[in-house]
Amino acid sequence: MVAMEENEKFATYKEFGKMLREVADLCAKYGDTPLYDSVPELKEKAYFVTNRGAYDAYIEPWMRDFSENPIDVTAAKKWAQQVNEKSTK
């Protein structure tokens, strides 16, 4: 069993970001495949980089929500940058 101190060194934004990037990289490999198409191997691969059950509890619902309410991420980032620039002036 892993000691609490050992767990705490990984309970950081940096490590959480690493996990999200790994899942994002796995998703990106499927390119323009619609999110509502089943990709069972994605779930299997995500288990290796997430906590057990995280795919079912968080990633799959987040993907489902995104497929039902998609956004243009590039446009959203551009808008956020414009808002940031205006707020710093």
N, C-alpha and C. Protein backbone atom coordinates (compact mmCIF):
# COMPACT_ATOMS: atom_id res chain seq x y z
N MET A 1 0.84 -1.18 0.00
CA MET A 1 0.00 0.00 0.00
C MET A 1 0.88 1.24 0.00
N VAL A 2 0.50 2.24 -0.79
CA VAL A 2 1.29 3.46 -0.91
C VAL A 2 1.00 4.38 0.27
N ALA A 3 2.06 4.88 0.88
CA ALA A 3 1.91 5.78 2.02
C ALA A 3 1.28 7.09 1.57
N MET A 4 0.57 7.76 2.49
CA MET A 4 -0.10 9.02 2.19
C MET A 4 0.90 10.06 1.69
N GLU A 5 2.09 10.10 2.26
CA GLU A 5 3.10 11.06 1.83
C GLU A 5 3.47 10.83 0.36
N GLU A 6 3.52 9.58 -0.04
CA GLU A 6 3.84 9.22 -1.42
C GLU A 6 2.73 9.73 -2.35
N ASN A 7 1.48 9.55 -1.96
CA ASN A 7 0.35 10.03 -2.76
C ASN A 7 0.35 11.54 -2.89
N GLU A 8 0.66 12.23 -1.80
CA GLU A 8 0.60 13.68 -1.79
C GLU A 8 1.56 14.32 -2.78
N LYS A 9 2.70 13.69 -3.02
CA LYS A 9 3.64 14.29 -3.96
C LYS A 9 3.12 14.23 -5.40
N PHE A 10 2.13 13.38 -5.65
CA PHE A 10 1.54 13.29 -6.98
C PHE A 10 0.21 14.04 -7.07
N ALA A 11 -0.32 14.47 -5.93
CA ALA A 11 -1.59 15.20 -5.93
C ALA A 11 -1.32 16.67 -6.19
N THR A 12 -0.85 16.97 -7.41
CA THR A 12 -0.50 18.34 -7.78
C THR A 12 -1.18 18.69 -9.10
N TYR A 13 -1.30 19.98 -9.36
CA TYR A 13 -1.84 20.43 -10.65
C TYR A 13 -0.97 19.94 -11.80
N LYS A 14 0.33 19.90 -11.56
CA LYS A 14 1.26 19.44 -12.59
C LYS A 14 0.95 17.99 -12.99
N GLU A 15 0.80 17.11 -12.00
CA GLU A 15 0.52 15.70 -12.29
C GLU A 15 -0.87 15.54 -12.89
N PHE A 16 -1.84 16.30 -12.40
CA PHE A 16 -3.19 16.25 -12.96
C PHE A 16 -3.17 16.69 -14.42
N GLY A 17 -2.41 17.74 -14.71
CA GLY A 17 -2.25 18.21 -16.09
C GLY A 17 -1.62 17.15 -16.98
N LYS A 18 -0.62 16.44 -16.44
CA LYS A 18 0.00 15.36 -17.21
C LYS A 18 -1.02 14.30 -17.58
N MET A 19 -1.89 13.95 -16.62
CA MET A 19 -2.91 12.94 -16.88
C MET A 19 -3.87 13.43 -17.96
N LEU A 20 -4.31 14.68 -17.85
CA LEU A 20 -5.23 15.22 -18.85
C LEU A 20 -4.60 15.26 -20.24
N ARG A 21 -3.31 15.63 -20.30
CA ARG A 21 -2.61 15.66 -21.60
C ARG A 21 -2.50 14.26 -22.19
N GLU A 22 -2.24 13.27 -21.35
CA GLU A 22 -2.15 11.89 -21.85
C GLU A 22 -3.49 11.45 -22.43
N VAL A 23 -4.58 11.75 -21.73
CA VAL A 23 -5.90 11.38 -22.24
C VAL A 23 -6.19 12.17 -23.52
N ALA A 24 -5.83 13.45 -23.54
CA ALA A 24 -6.04 14.27 -24.74
C ALA A 24 -5.25 13.71 -25.92
N ASP A 25 -4.02 13.28 -25.68
CA ASP A 25 -3.21 12.69 -26.75
C ASP A 25 -3.85 11.40 -27.27
N LEU A 26 -4.40 10.60 -26.36
CA LEU A 26 -5.09 9.37 -26.79
C LEU A 26 -6.30 9.73 -27.66
N CYS A 27 -7.07 10.71 -27.23
CA CYS A 27 -8.26 11.12 -28.00
C CYS A 27 -7.86 11.68 -29.36
N ALA A 28 -6.80 12.46 -29.41
CA ALA A 28 -6.37 13.08 -30.66
C ALA A 28 -6.01 12.06 -31.72
N LYS A 29 -5.60 10.87 -31.31
CA LYS A 29 -5.24 9.83 -32.27
C LYS A 29 -6.43 9.38 -33.11
N TYR A 30 -7.65 9.66 -32.63
CA TYR A 30 -8.84 9.26 -33.37
C TYR A 30 -9.33 10.37 -34.30
N GLY A 31 -8.58 11.46 -34.36
CA GLY A 31 -8.84 12.54 -35.32
C GLY A 31 -10.28 12.99 -35.39
N ASP A 32 -10.84 12.94 -36.58
CA ASP A 32 -12.20 13.45 -36.82
C ASP A 32 -13.29 12.41 -36.59
N THR A 33 -12.97 11.32 -35.91
CA THR A 33 -13.99 10.34 -35.56
C THR A 33 -15.00 11.02 -34.64
N PRO A 34 -16.30 10.94 -34.96
CA PRO A 34 -17.30 11.58 -34.09
C PRO A 34 -17.26 11.00 -32.67
N LEU A 35 -17.45 11.86 -31.69
CA LEU A 35 -17.38 11.43 -30.29
C LEU A 35 -18.43 10.40 -29.94
N TYR A 36 -19.54 10.40 -30.64
CA TYR A 36 -20.58 9.43 -30.32
C TYR A 36 -20.31 8.05 -30.90
N ASP A 37 -19.26 7.91 -31.71
CA ASP A 37 -18.84 6.58 -32.18
C ASP A 37 -18.08 5.89 -31.05
N SER A 38 -18.40 4.66 -30.81
CA SER A 38 -17.76 3.91 -29.73
C SER A 38 -16.32 3.58 -30.09
N VAL A 39 -15.42 3.83 -29.16
CA VAL A 39 -14.00 3.51 -29.34
C VAL A 39 -13.54 2.78 -28.06
N PRO A 40 -13.89 1.49 -27.95
CA PRO A 40 -13.57 0.75 -26.71
C PRO A 40 -12.10 0.76 -26.34
N GLU A 41 -11.22 0.74 -27.34
CA GLU A 41 -9.78 0.72 -27.02
C GLU A 41 -9.33 2.01 -26.35
N LEU A 42 -10.06 3.12 -26.57
CA LEU A 42 -9.71 4.37 -25.90
C LEU A 42 -9.90 4.20 -24.39
N LYS A 43 -10.99 3.59 -23.99
CA LYS A 43 -11.24 3.35 -22.58
C LYS A 43 -10.15 2.47 -21.98
N GLU A 44 -9.79 1.43 -22.69
CA GLU A 44 -8.75 0.52 -22.20
C GLU A 44 -7.42 1.26 -22.04
N LYS A 45 -7.06 2.08 -23.02
CA LYS A 45 -5.79 2.82 -22.96
C LYS A 45 -5.82 3.89 -21.88
N ALA A 46 -6.98 4.52 -21.69
CA ALA A 46 -7.09 5.58 -20.69
C ALA A 46 -6.93 5.03 -19.28
N TYR A 47 -7.32 3.77 -19.07
CA TYR A 47 -7.15 3.16 -17.75
C TYR A 47 -5.70 3.17 -17.30
N PHE A 48 -4.76 3.14 -18.24
CA PHE A 48 -3.35 3.11 -17.87
C PHE A 48 -2.83 4.46 -17.38
N VAL A 49 -3.53 5.55 -17.71
CA VAL A 49 -3.05 6.88 -17.33
C VAL A 49 -3.99 7.61 -16.38
N THR A 50 -5.11 6.97 -16.00
CA THR A 50 -6.05 7.60 -15.07
C THR A 50 -6.24 6.70 -13.86
N ASN A 51 -6.83 7.27 -12.84
CA ASN A 51 -7.22 6.44 -11.69
C ASN A 51 -8.31 5.48 -12.14
N ARG A 52 -8.35 4.32 -11.53
CA ARG A 52 -9.37 3.33 -11.87
C ARG A 52 -10.76 3.96 -11.70
N GLY A 53 -11.58 3.84 -12.70
CA GLY A 53 -12.93 4.38 -12.65
C GLY A 53 -13.05 5.81 -13.13
N ALA A 54 -11.93 6.51 -13.31
CA ALA A 54 -11.99 7.90 -13.73
C ALA A 54 -12.58 8.05 -15.12
N TYR A 55 -12.32 7.10 -15.99
CA TYR A 55 -12.86 7.18 -17.34
C TYR A 55 -14.39 7.18 -17.30
N ASP A 56 -14.96 6.20 -16.59
CA ASP A 56 -16.42 6.10 -16.49
C ASP A 56 -17.04 7.27 -15.73
N ALA A 57 -16.36 7.72 -14.70
CA ALA A 57 -16.92 8.76 -13.85
C ALA A 57 -16.76 10.17 -14.41
N TYR A 58 -15.66 10.43 -15.12
CA TYR A 58 -15.37 11.80 -15.54
C TYR A 58 -15.14 11.97 -17.04
N ILE A 59 -14.29 11.17 -17.60
CA ILE A 59 -13.88 11.38 -18.99
C ILE A 59 -15.02 11.08 -19.96
N GLU A 60 -15.65 9.92 -19.82
CA GLU A 60 -16.75 9.58 -20.74
C GLU A 60 -17.91 10.56 -20.64
N PRO A 61 -18.36 10.94 -19.42
CA PRO A 61 -19.44 11.94 -19.35
C PRO A 61 -19.03 13.29 -19.93
N TRP A 62 -17.75 13.67 -19.76
CA TRP A 62 -17.27 14.94 -20.30
C TRP A 62 -17.26 14.88 -21.82
N MET A 63 -16.84 13.75 -22.38
CA MET A 63 -16.87 13.60 -23.84
C MET A 63 -18.31 13.62 -24.36
N ARG A 64 -19.22 12.96 -23.65
CA ARG A 64 -20.63 12.94 -24.05
C ARG A 64 -21.21 14.35 -24.02
N ASP A 65 -20.91 15.10 -22.96
CA ASP A 65 -21.39 16.47 -22.84
C ASP A 65 -20.84 17.34 -23.97
N PHE A 66 -19.56 17.16 -24.27
CA PHE A 66 -18.94 17.94 -25.35
C PHE A 66 -19.59 17.60 -26.70
N SER A 67 -19.90 16.32 -26.92
CA SER A 67 -20.52 15.94 -28.20
C SER A 67 -21.93 16.50 -28.31
N GLU A 68 -22.62 16.69 -27.20
CA GLU A 68 -23.96 17.26 -27.21
C GLU A 68 -23.94 18.78 -27.27
N ASN A 69 -22.87 19.39 -26.77
CA ASN A 69 -22.73 20.85 -26.75
C ASN A 69 -21.33 21.24 -27.20
N PRO A 70 -20.98 20.94 -28.46
CA PRO A 70 -19.60 21.20 -28.91
C PRO A 70 -19.32 22.71 -29.02
N ILE A 71 -18.07 23.05 -28.84
CA ILE A 71 -17.62 24.43 -29.02
C ILE A 71 -16.39 24.42 -29.92
N ASP A 72 -16.13 25.56 -30.53
CA ASP A 72 -14.90 25.75 -31.30
C ASP A 72 -13.84 26.18 -30.30
N VAL A 73 -13.00 25.27 -29.90
CA VAL A 73 -12.01 25.53 -28.85
C VAL A 73 -11.05 26.63 -29.27
N THR A 74 -10.65 26.65 -30.54
CA THR A 74 -9.73 27.69 -31.01
C THR A 74 -10.36 29.07 -30.88
N ALA A 75 -11.63 29.19 -31.27
CA ALA A 75 -12.33 30.47 -31.14
C ALA A 75 -12.51 30.85 -29.67
N ALA A 76 -12.79 29.88 -28.82
CA ALA A 76 -12.95 30.15 -27.39
C ALA A 76 -11.66 30.66 -26.77
N LYS A 77 -10.53 30.05 -27.16
CA LYS A 77 -9.24 30.50 -26.65
C LYS A 77 -8.94 31.91 -27.12
N LYS A 78 -9.26 32.22 -28.37
CA LYS A 78 -9.03 33.56 -28.91
C LYS A 78 -9.88 34.58 -28.16
N TRP A 79 -11.13 34.25 -27.91
CA TRP A 79 -12.02 35.15 -27.17
C TRP A 79 -11.49 35.37 -25.76
N ALA A 80 -11.06 34.30 -25.08
CA ALA A 80 -10.52 34.41 -23.72
C ALA A 80 -9.28 35.32 -23.70
N GLN A 81 -8.45 35.19 -24.73
CA GLN A 81 -7.25 36.03 -24.81
C GLN A 81 -7.65 37.50 -24.97
N GLN A 82 -8.66 37.77 -25.80
CA GLN A 82 -9.13 39.14 -25.99
C GLN A 82 -9.70 39.72 -24.69
N VAL A 83 -10.45 38.91 -23.97
CA VAL A 83 -11.01 39.35 -22.70
C VAL A 83 -9.89 39.65 -21.71
N ASN A 84 -8.89 38.77 -21.67
CA ASN A 84 -7.73 38.99 -20.78
C ASN A 84 -7.00 40.27 -21.12
N GLU A 85 -6.78 40.51 -22.40
CA GLU A 85 -6.07 41.71 -22.84
C GLU A 85 -6.84 42.97 -22.47
N LYS A 86 -8.15 42.95 -22.60
CA LYS A 86 -8.97 44.12 -22.24
C LYS A 86 -8.97 44.36 -20.76
N SER A 87 -8.95 43.29 -19.98
CA SER A 87 -9.00 43.44 -18.52
C SER A 87 -7.67 43.92 -17.94
N THR A 88 -6.58 43.77 -18.67
CA THR A 88 -5.27 44.20 -18.18
C THR A 88 -4.94 45.61 -18.64
N LYS A 89 -5.79 46.20 -19.46
CA LYS A 89 -5.52 47.57 -19.95
C LYS A 89 -6.07 48.60 -19.00
